[in-house]
N, C-alpha and C. Protein backbone atom coordinates (compact mmCIF):
# COMPACT_ATOMS: atom_id res chain seq x y z
N MET A 1 -29.51 4.74 17.69
CA MET A 1 -28.40 5.59 17.33
C MET A 1 -27.59 4.89 16.25
N ILE A 2 -27.12 5.66 15.29
CA ILE A 2 -26.28 5.12 14.22
C ILE A 2 -25.06 6.01 14.06
N ARG A 3 -23.89 5.39 13.99
CA ARG A 3 -22.63 6.10 13.73
C ARG A 3 -21.96 5.43 12.54
N THR A 4 -21.45 6.25 11.61
CA THR A 4 -20.79 5.72 10.42
C THR A 4 -19.43 6.37 10.25
N ARG A 5 -18.44 5.55 9.94
CA ARG A 5 -17.09 6.05 9.66
C ARG A 5 -16.52 5.31 8.48
N SER A 6 -15.58 5.95 7.81
CA SER A 6 -14.86 5.32 6.70
C SER A 6 -13.44 5.01 7.13
N ILE A 7 -12.90 3.96 6.55
CA ILE A 7 -11.50 3.58 6.75
C ILE A 7 -10.87 3.47 5.37
N GLU A 8 -9.66 3.95 5.22
CA GLU A 8 -8.87 3.70 4.02
C GLU A 8 -7.61 2.96 4.44
N LEU A 9 -7.35 1.84 3.76
CA LEU A 9 -6.18 1.02 4.08
C LEU A 9 -5.38 0.77 2.82
N GLU A 10 -4.08 0.92 2.92
CA GLU A 10 -3.18 0.56 1.83
C GLU A 10 -2.75 -0.88 2.08
N THR A 11 -3.09 -1.76 1.15
CA THR A 11 -2.69 -3.16 1.30
C THR A 11 -1.26 -3.34 0.78
N ARG A 12 -0.67 -4.45 1.16
CA ARG A 12 0.69 -4.77 0.69
C ARG A 12 0.63 -5.66 -0.56
N GLY A 13 -0.55 -5.91 -1.04
CA GLY A 13 -0.75 -6.88 -2.10
C GLY A 13 -1.51 -8.06 -1.54
N LYS A 14 -1.52 -9.13 -2.26
CA LYS A 14 -2.33 -10.30 -1.93
C LYS A 14 -2.10 -10.77 -0.50
N GLY A 15 -3.21 -11.02 0.21
CA GLY A 15 -3.12 -11.57 1.55
C GLY A 15 -4.10 -10.95 2.53
N LEU A 16 -4.07 -11.46 3.75
CA LEU A 16 -4.96 -11.04 4.82
C LEU A 16 -4.31 -9.96 5.68
N THR A 17 -5.07 -8.91 5.96
CA THR A 17 -4.62 -7.84 6.84
C THR A 17 -5.65 -7.70 7.96
N GLU A 18 -5.21 -7.90 9.19
CA GLU A 18 -6.17 -7.81 10.30
C GLU A 18 -6.60 -6.37 10.52
N ILE A 19 -7.91 -6.16 10.64
CA ILE A 19 -8.48 -4.83 10.88
C ILE A 19 -9.33 -4.79 12.15
N THR A 20 -9.23 -5.84 12.96
CA THR A 20 -10.03 -5.91 14.19
C THR A 20 -9.81 -4.68 15.06
N GLY A 21 -8.57 -4.28 15.24
CA GLY A 21 -8.26 -3.15 16.11
C GLY A 21 -8.88 -1.85 15.64
N GLU A 22 -8.78 -1.57 14.34
CA GLU A 22 -9.35 -0.34 13.79
C GLU A 22 -10.87 -0.30 13.95
N VAL A 23 -11.52 -1.44 13.67
CA VAL A 23 -12.97 -1.50 13.79
C VAL A 23 -13.38 -1.42 15.25
N ARG A 24 -12.66 -2.12 16.10
CA ARG A 24 -12.94 -2.08 17.55
C ARG A 24 -12.88 -0.65 18.07
N GLU A 25 -11.90 0.11 17.62
CA GLU A 25 -11.76 1.50 18.06
C GLU A 25 -12.94 2.34 17.60
N ILE A 26 -13.42 2.12 16.39
CA ILE A 26 -14.60 2.85 15.90
C ILE A 26 -15.81 2.53 16.76
N VAL A 27 -15.97 1.26 17.11
CA VAL A 27 -17.10 0.86 17.98
C VAL A 27 -16.99 1.57 19.32
N ARG A 28 -15.82 1.56 19.91
CA ARG A 28 -15.65 2.21 21.23
C ARG A 28 -15.93 3.70 21.15
N GLU A 29 -15.43 4.36 20.10
CA GLU A 29 -15.65 5.80 19.94
C GLU A 29 -17.10 6.15 19.66
N SER A 30 -17.87 5.21 19.14
CA SER A 30 -19.27 5.48 18.80
C SER A 30 -20.12 5.72 20.04
N GLY A 31 -19.71 5.17 21.18
CA GLY A 31 -20.51 5.28 22.40
C GLY A 31 -21.65 4.28 22.46
N ILE A 32 -21.83 3.50 21.43
CA ILE A 32 -22.90 2.51 21.41
C ILE A 32 -22.48 1.31 22.25
N ARG A 33 -23.34 0.93 23.17
CA ARG A 33 -23.04 -0.14 24.12
C ARG A 33 -23.56 -1.50 23.66
N THR A 34 -24.75 -1.50 23.02
CA THR A 34 -25.38 -2.74 22.59
C THR A 34 -25.94 -2.53 21.20
N GLY A 35 -25.60 -3.43 20.27
CA GLY A 35 -26.11 -3.29 18.92
C GLY A 35 -25.36 -4.14 17.93
N LEU A 36 -25.16 -3.58 16.74
CA LEU A 36 -24.49 -4.28 15.65
C LEU A 36 -23.46 -3.37 15.00
N CYS A 37 -22.40 -3.98 14.51
CA CYS A 37 -21.39 -3.28 13.73
C CYS A 37 -21.33 -3.94 12.36
N SER A 38 -21.57 -3.16 11.32
CA SER A 38 -21.50 -3.65 9.95
C SER A 38 -20.28 -3.03 9.29
N VAL A 39 -19.48 -3.88 8.65
CA VAL A 39 -18.29 -3.43 7.93
C VAL A 39 -18.48 -3.83 6.47
N PHE A 40 -18.27 -2.88 5.55
CA PHE A 40 -18.48 -3.11 4.13
C PHE A 40 -17.26 -2.63 3.35
N VAL A 41 -16.72 -3.48 2.47
CA VAL A 41 -15.60 -3.10 1.63
C VAL A 41 -16.15 -2.70 0.25
N LEU A 42 -15.74 -1.54 -0.24
CA LEU A 42 -16.31 -0.97 -1.46
C LEU A 42 -15.51 -1.37 -2.70
N HIS A 43 -15.22 -2.65 -2.84
CA HIS A 43 -14.41 -3.12 -3.97
C HIS A 43 -14.88 -4.52 -4.38
N THR A 44 -14.57 -4.90 -5.61
CA THR A 44 -14.93 -6.23 -6.10
C THR A 44 -13.74 -7.17 -6.17
N SER A 45 -12.56 -6.69 -5.79
CA SER A 45 -11.38 -7.55 -5.83
C SER A 45 -10.71 -7.65 -4.46
N ALA A 46 -11.48 -7.35 -3.43
CA ALA A 46 -11.06 -7.54 -2.04
C ALA A 46 -12.31 -7.92 -1.26
N SER A 47 -12.13 -8.55 -0.13
CA SER A 47 -13.28 -8.99 0.65
C SER A 47 -12.94 -8.95 2.14
N LEU A 48 -13.91 -9.37 2.94
CA LEU A 48 -13.74 -9.42 4.39
C LEU A 48 -13.88 -10.87 4.85
N LEU A 49 -13.20 -11.17 5.94
CA LEU A 49 -13.20 -12.54 6.44
C LEU A 49 -12.98 -12.52 7.94
N ILE A 50 -13.78 -13.29 8.66
CA ILE A 50 -13.52 -13.54 10.08
C ILE A 50 -12.86 -14.91 10.14
N THR A 51 -11.65 -14.93 10.68
CA THR A 51 -10.92 -16.19 10.78
C THR A 51 -9.97 -16.11 11.97
N GLU A 52 -9.25 -17.17 12.19
CA GLU A 52 -8.32 -17.24 13.33
C GLU A 52 -7.27 -16.15 13.25
N ASN A 53 -7.02 -15.51 14.40
CA ASN A 53 -6.00 -14.46 14.44
C ASN A 53 -4.84 -14.80 15.36
N ALA A 54 -4.78 -16.02 15.84
CA ALA A 54 -3.71 -16.39 16.77
C ALA A 54 -2.54 -17.05 16.05
N ASP A 55 -2.79 -18.08 15.30
CA ASP A 55 -1.73 -18.85 14.65
C ASP A 55 -1.64 -18.43 13.18
N PRO A 56 -0.54 -17.81 12.77
CA PRO A 56 -0.39 -17.37 11.37
C PRO A 56 -0.50 -18.51 10.35
N SER A 57 -0.22 -19.73 10.75
CA SER A 57 -0.31 -20.83 9.78
C SER A 57 -1.75 -21.05 9.33
N ALA A 58 -2.73 -20.72 10.17
CA ALA A 58 -4.14 -20.85 9.76
C ALA A 58 -4.43 -19.89 8.62
N ARG A 59 -3.93 -18.67 8.71
CA ARG A 59 -4.13 -17.69 7.65
C ARG A 59 -3.38 -18.10 6.38
N GLN A 60 -2.20 -18.65 6.53
CA GLN A 60 -1.44 -19.12 5.37
C GLN A 60 -2.21 -20.23 4.65
N ASP A 61 -2.83 -21.10 5.41
CA ASP A 61 -3.62 -22.18 4.80
C ASP A 61 -4.85 -21.63 4.09
N VAL A 62 -5.50 -20.63 4.66
CA VAL A 62 -6.65 -20.00 4.01
C VAL A 62 -6.20 -19.39 2.68
N GLU A 63 -5.13 -18.63 2.71
CA GLU A 63 -4.62 -17.99 1.49
C GLU A 63 -4.24 -19.03 0.44
N GLY A 64 -3.59 -20.11 0.86
CA GLY A 64 -3.20 -21.18 -0.06
C GLY A 64 -4.40 -21.86 -0.69
N TRP A 65 -5.44 -22.08 0.11
CA TRP A 65 -6.65 -22.71 -0.40
C TRP A 65 -7.29 -21.85 -1.48
N PHE A 66 -7.33 -20.53 -1.26
CA PHE A 66 -7.89 -19.64 -2.27
C PHE A 66 -7.04 -19.61 -3.54
N GLU A 67 -5.73 -19.75 -3.41
CA GLU A 67 -4.87 -19.82 -4.59
C GLU A 67 -5.23 -21.05 -5.44
N ARG A 68 -5.51 -22.15 -4.78
CA ARG A 68 -5.89 -23.36 -5.50
C ARG A 68 -7.31 -23.28 -6.06
N LEU A 69 -8.20 -22.64 -5.31
CA LEU A 69 -9.60 -22.53 -5.72
C LEU A 69 -9.76 -21.67 -6.97
N ALA A 70 -9.06 -20.54 -7.01
CA ALA A 70 -9.19 -19.60 -8.13
C ALA A 70 -7.78 -19.19 -8.57
N PRO A 71 -7.12 -20.05 -9.33
CA PRO A 71 -5.74 -19.76 -9.73
C PRO A 71 -5.68 -18.66 -10.79
N GLU A 72 -4.53 -18.02 -10.86
CA GLU A 72 -4.31 -17.02 -11.91
C GLU A 72 -4.10 -17.72 -13.24
N SER A 73 -4.38 -17.00 -14.31
CA SER A 73 -4.11 -17.44 -15.68
C SER A 73 -4.85 -18.70 -16.09
N ASP A 74 -6.02 -18.94 -15.52
CA ASP A 74 -6.83 -20.07 -15.96
C ASP A 74 -7.25 -19.82 -17.41
N PRO A 75 -7.03 -20.76 -18.31
CA PRO A 75 -7.36 -20.54 -19.72
C PRO A 75 -8.86 -20.35 -19.99
N HIS A 76 -9.71 -20.65 -19.01
CA HIS A 76 -11.15 -20.47 -19.19
C HIS A 76 -11.60 -19.04 -18.92
N TYR A 77 -10.77 -18.22 -18.31
CA TYR A 77 -11.15 -16.84 -18.01
C TYR A 77 -11.26 -16.03 -19.29
N THR A 78 -12.31 -15.24 -19.41
CA THR A 78 -12.44 -14.31 -20.53
C THR A 78 -12.19 -12.87 -20.10
N HIS A 79 -12.34 -12.58 -18.82
CA HIS A 79 -12.08 -11.23 -18.29
C HIS A 79 -10.59 -11.15 -17.95
N VAL A 80 -9.78 -10.70 -18.92
CA VAL A 80 -8.33 -10.72 -18.75
C VAL A 80 -7.67 -9.36 -18.99
N LEU A 81 -8.44 -8.32 -19.32
CA LEU A 81 -7.85 -7.03 -19.68
C LEU A 81 -7.08 -6.37 -18.54
N GLU A 82 -7.46 -6.65 -17.29
CA GLU A 82 -6.81 -5.99 -16.15
C GLU A 82 -5.71 -6.84 -15.52
N GLY A 83 -5.29 -7.88 -16.20
CA GLY A 83 -4.19 -8.70 -15.70
C GLY A 83 -4.64 -10.07 -15.25
N PRO A 84 -3.68 -10.98 -15.11
CA PRO A 84 -4.02 -12.37 -14.77
C PRO A 84 -4.52 -12.56 -13.34
N ASP A 85 -4.34 -11.54 -12.47
CA ASP A 85 -4.82 -11.68 -11.10
C ASP A 85 -6.20 -11.07 -10.89
N ASP A 86 -6.77 -10.43 -11.93
CA ASP A 86 -8.04 -9.73 -11.73
C ASP A 86 -9.23 -10.68 -11.64
N MET A 87 -9.41 -11.56 -12.62
CA MET A 87 -10.56 -12.47 -12.57
C MET A 87 -10.53 -13.35 -11.33
N PRO A 88 -9.38 -13.94 -10.96
CA PRO A 88 -9.37 -14.73 -9.73
C PRO A 88 -9.76 -13.89 -8.50
N SER A 89 -9.42 -12.60 -8.52
CA SER A 89 -9.78 -11.76 -7.37
C SER A 89 -11.29 -11.60 -7.27
N HIS A 90 -11.97 -11.49 -8.41
CA HIS A 90 -13.43 -11.39 -8.38
C HIS A 90 -14.05 -12.70 -7.90
N LEU A 91 -13.49 -13.82 -8.34
CA LEU A 91 -14.02 -15.12 -7.89
C LEU A 91 -13.83 -15.31 -6.39
N ARG A 92 -12.67 -14.92 -5.89
CA ARG A 92 -12.40 -15.05 -4.45
C ARG A 92 -13.34 -14.17 -3.64
N SER A 93 -13.62 -12.97 -4.15
CA SER A 93 -14.58 -12.10 -3.46
C SER A 93 -15.98 -12.69 -3.49
N ALA A 94 -16.31 -13.39 -4.60
CA ALA A 94 -17.65 -13.96 -4.73
C ALA A 94 -17.90 -15.07 -3.72
N VAL A 95 -16.86 -15.79 -3.30
CA VAL A 95 -17.07 -16.89 -2.36
C VAL A 95 -16.76 -16.48 -0.91
N THR A 96 -16.33 -15.25 -0.71
CA THR A 96 -16.21 -14.72 0.65
C THR A 96 -17.33 -13.70 0.81
N ARG A 97 -17.05 -12.57 1.43
CA ARG A 97 -18.09 -11.57 1.63
C ARG A 97 -17.51 -10.17 1.44
N THR A 98 -18.38 -9.26 1.03
CA THR A 98 -17.99 -7.85 0.99
C THR A 98 -18.44 -7.13 2.25
N SER A 99 -19.20 -7.81 3.11
CA SER A 99 -19.60 -7.20 4.37
C SER A 99 -19.64 -8.26 5.47
N GLU A 100 -19.43 -7.78 6.68
CA GLU A 100 -19.54 -8.61 7.88
C GLU A 100 -20.34 -7.83 8.92
N THR A 101 -21.17 -8.52 9.66
CA THR A 101 -21.92 -7.91 10.76
C THR A 101 -21.53 -8.63 12.04
N ILE A 102 -21.14 -7.83 13.03
CA ILE A 102 -20.67 -8.38 14.30
C ILE A 102 -21.48 -7.73 15.43
N HIS A 103 -21.90 -8.53 16.38
CA HIS A 103 -22.63 -8.00 17.53
C HIS A 103 -21.73 -7.08 18.36
N VAL A 104 -22.36 -6.08 18.96
CA VAL A 104 -21.68 -5.19 19.89
C VAL A 104 -22.33 -5.40 21.25
N ASP A 105 -21.53 -5.75 22.25
CA ASP A 105 -21.98 -5.91 23.63
C ASP A 105 -21.01 -5.20 24.53
N ASP A 106 -21.54 -4.47 25.50
CA ASP A 106 -20.71 -3.71 26.45
C ASP A 106 -19.73 -2.78 25.73
N GLY A 107 -20.17 -2.21 24.60
CA GLY A 107 -19.36 -1.24 23.88
C GLY A 107 -18.18 -1.81 23.12
N ASP A 108 -18.19 -3.12 22.86
CA ASP A 108 -17.06 -3.76 22.17
C ASP A 108 -17.58 -4.81 21.19
N LEU A 109 -16.76 -5.15 20.21
CA LEU A 109 -17.09 -6.23 19.29
C LEU A 109 -17.19 -7.54 20.05
N THR A 110 -18.16 -8.35 19.71
CA THR A 110 -18.32 -9.66 20.31
C THR A 110 -17.71 -10.68 19.35
N LEU A 111 -16.47 -11.01 19.60
CA LEU A 111 -15.75 -12.00 18.79
C LEU A 111 -15.28 -13.12 19.69
N GLY A 112 -15.14 -14.31 19.12
CA GLY A 112 -14.62 -15.44 19.87
C GLY A 112 -13.15 -15.23 20.20
N THR A 113 -12.64 -16.06 21.09
CA THR A 113 -11.28 -15.93 21.60
C THR A 113 -10.25 -15.81 20.50
N TRP A 114 -10.35 -16.61 19.45
CA TRP A 114 -9.33 -16.61 18.40
C TRP A 114 -9.83 -16.01 17.10
N GLN A 115 -10.93 -15.26 17.15
CA GLN A 115 -11.47 -14.66 15.93
C GLN A 115 -10.92 -13.25 15.71
N GLY A 116 -10.62 -12.96 14.46
CA GLY A 116 -10.23 -11.62 14.05
C GLY A 116 -10.91 -11.27 12.74
N LEU A 117 -11.07 -9.98 12.49
CA LEU A 117 -11.65 -9.49 11.25
C LEU A 117 -10.52 -9.07 10.32
N PHE A 118 -10.57 -9.56 9.09
CA PHE A 118 -9.49 -9.32 8.13
C PHE A 118 -10.01 -8.75 6.83
N LEU A 119 -9.24 -7.83 6.26
CA LEU A 119 -9.42 -7.42 4.88
C LEU A 119 -8.60 -8.41 4.05
N PHE A 120 -9.23 -9.00 3.07
CA PHE A 120 -8.58 -10.01 2.24
C PHE A 120 -8.32 -9.40 0.86
N GLU A 121 -7.08 -8.99 0.64
CA GLU A 121 -6.69 -8.42 -0.66
C GLU A 121 -6.44 -9.57 -1.63
N HIS A 122 -7.10 -9.51 -2.78
CA HIS A 122 -6.97 -10.58 -3.75
C HIS A 122 -6.08 -10.22 -4.94
N ARG A 123 -5.66 -8.98 -5.03
CA ARG A 123 -4.79 -8.56 -6.14
C ARG A 123 -3.33 -8.63 -5.71
N ARG A 124 -2.43 -8.83 -6.66
CA ARG A 124 -0.99 -8.97 -6.38
C ARG A 124 -0.35 -7.69 -5.85
N HIS A 125 -0.76 -6.56 -6.40
CA HIS A 125 -0.09 -5.30 -6.08
C HIS A 125 -0.83 -4.55 -4.97
N PRO A 126 -0.13 -3.64 -4.26
CA PRO A 126 -0.79 -2.83 -3.23
C PRO A 126 -1.95 -2.03 -3.82
N HIS A 127 -3.00 -1.89 -3.04
CA HIS A 127 -4.17 -1.10 -3.42
C HIS A 127 -4.65 -0.29 -2.21
N LEU A 128 -5.22 0.85 -2.48
CA LEU A 128 -5.89 1.62 -1.44
C LEU A 128 -7.33 1.11 -1.38
N ARG A 129 -7.72 0.58 -0.24
CA ARG A 129 -9.05 -0.01 -0.08
C ARG A 129 -9.89 0.85 0.87
N ARG A 130 -11.15 1.05 0.47
CA ARG A 130 -12.08 1.85 1.27
C ARG A 130 -13.11 0.92 1.91
N LEU A 131 -13.36 1.19 3.19
CA LEU A 131 -14.35 0.43 3.94
C LEU A 131 -15.27 1.41 4.66
N ARG A 132 -16.52 1.00 4.85
CA ARG A 132 -17.47 1.76 5.66
C ARG A 132 -17.81 0.92 6.87
N VAL A 133 -17.78 1.56 8.02
CA VAL A 133 -18.11 0.90 9.28
C VAL A 133 -19.33 1.62 9.85
N ARG A 134 -20.40 0.87 10.08
CA ARG A 134 -21.62 1.44 10.63
C ARG A 134 -21.94 0.71 11.94
N VAL A 135 -22.05 1.49 13.01
CA VAL A 135 -22.37 0.94 14.31
C VAL A 135 -23.78 1.41 14.66
N MET A 136 -24.66 0.47 14.94
CA MET A 136 -26.07 0.77 15.22
C MET A 136 -26.45 0.16 16.57
N GLY A 137 -27.16 0.93 17.36
CA GLY A 137 -27.61 0.35 18.63
C GLY A 137 -27.98 1.40 19.65
N GLU A 138 -27.86 0.99 20.89
CA GLU A 138 -28.29 1.82 22.02
C GLU A 138 -27.10 2.36 22.78
N LEU A 139 -27.22 3.63 23.15
CA LEU A 139 -26.26 4.23 24.06
C LEU A 139 -26.70 3.88 25.47
N GLU A 140 -25.79 3.60 26.35
CA GLU A 140 -26.18 3.31 27.75
C GLU A 140 -25.41 4.19 28.68
């Protein structure tokens, strides 16, 4: 059995937005008890990340590390027409992922105690982001 749904999220600009709850609800509504959940973001300047969802300082450190890894206004960038935050957003997406696959057991996402699924917005300004969630597996 396969169930597919779309999500649209308005981001607040650069940073991590937890989407575990929204995806978990799609899995529960699918009726699939055992299988896989694939989440795909349809953009090149945002990505997905599974990281700690308990202590906000862990997320702040992740965001800070990415700022240092791919800073804005690097003089080596040639792709600059869409603003100083565009090329770094593509680089940040390139070293993270545009999709995540999570096991489904007993009709729920199988995540560790402190794991959460996040949409990682890499642009400064708010954007409407589209995601596809596909749940595949067995109904029980």
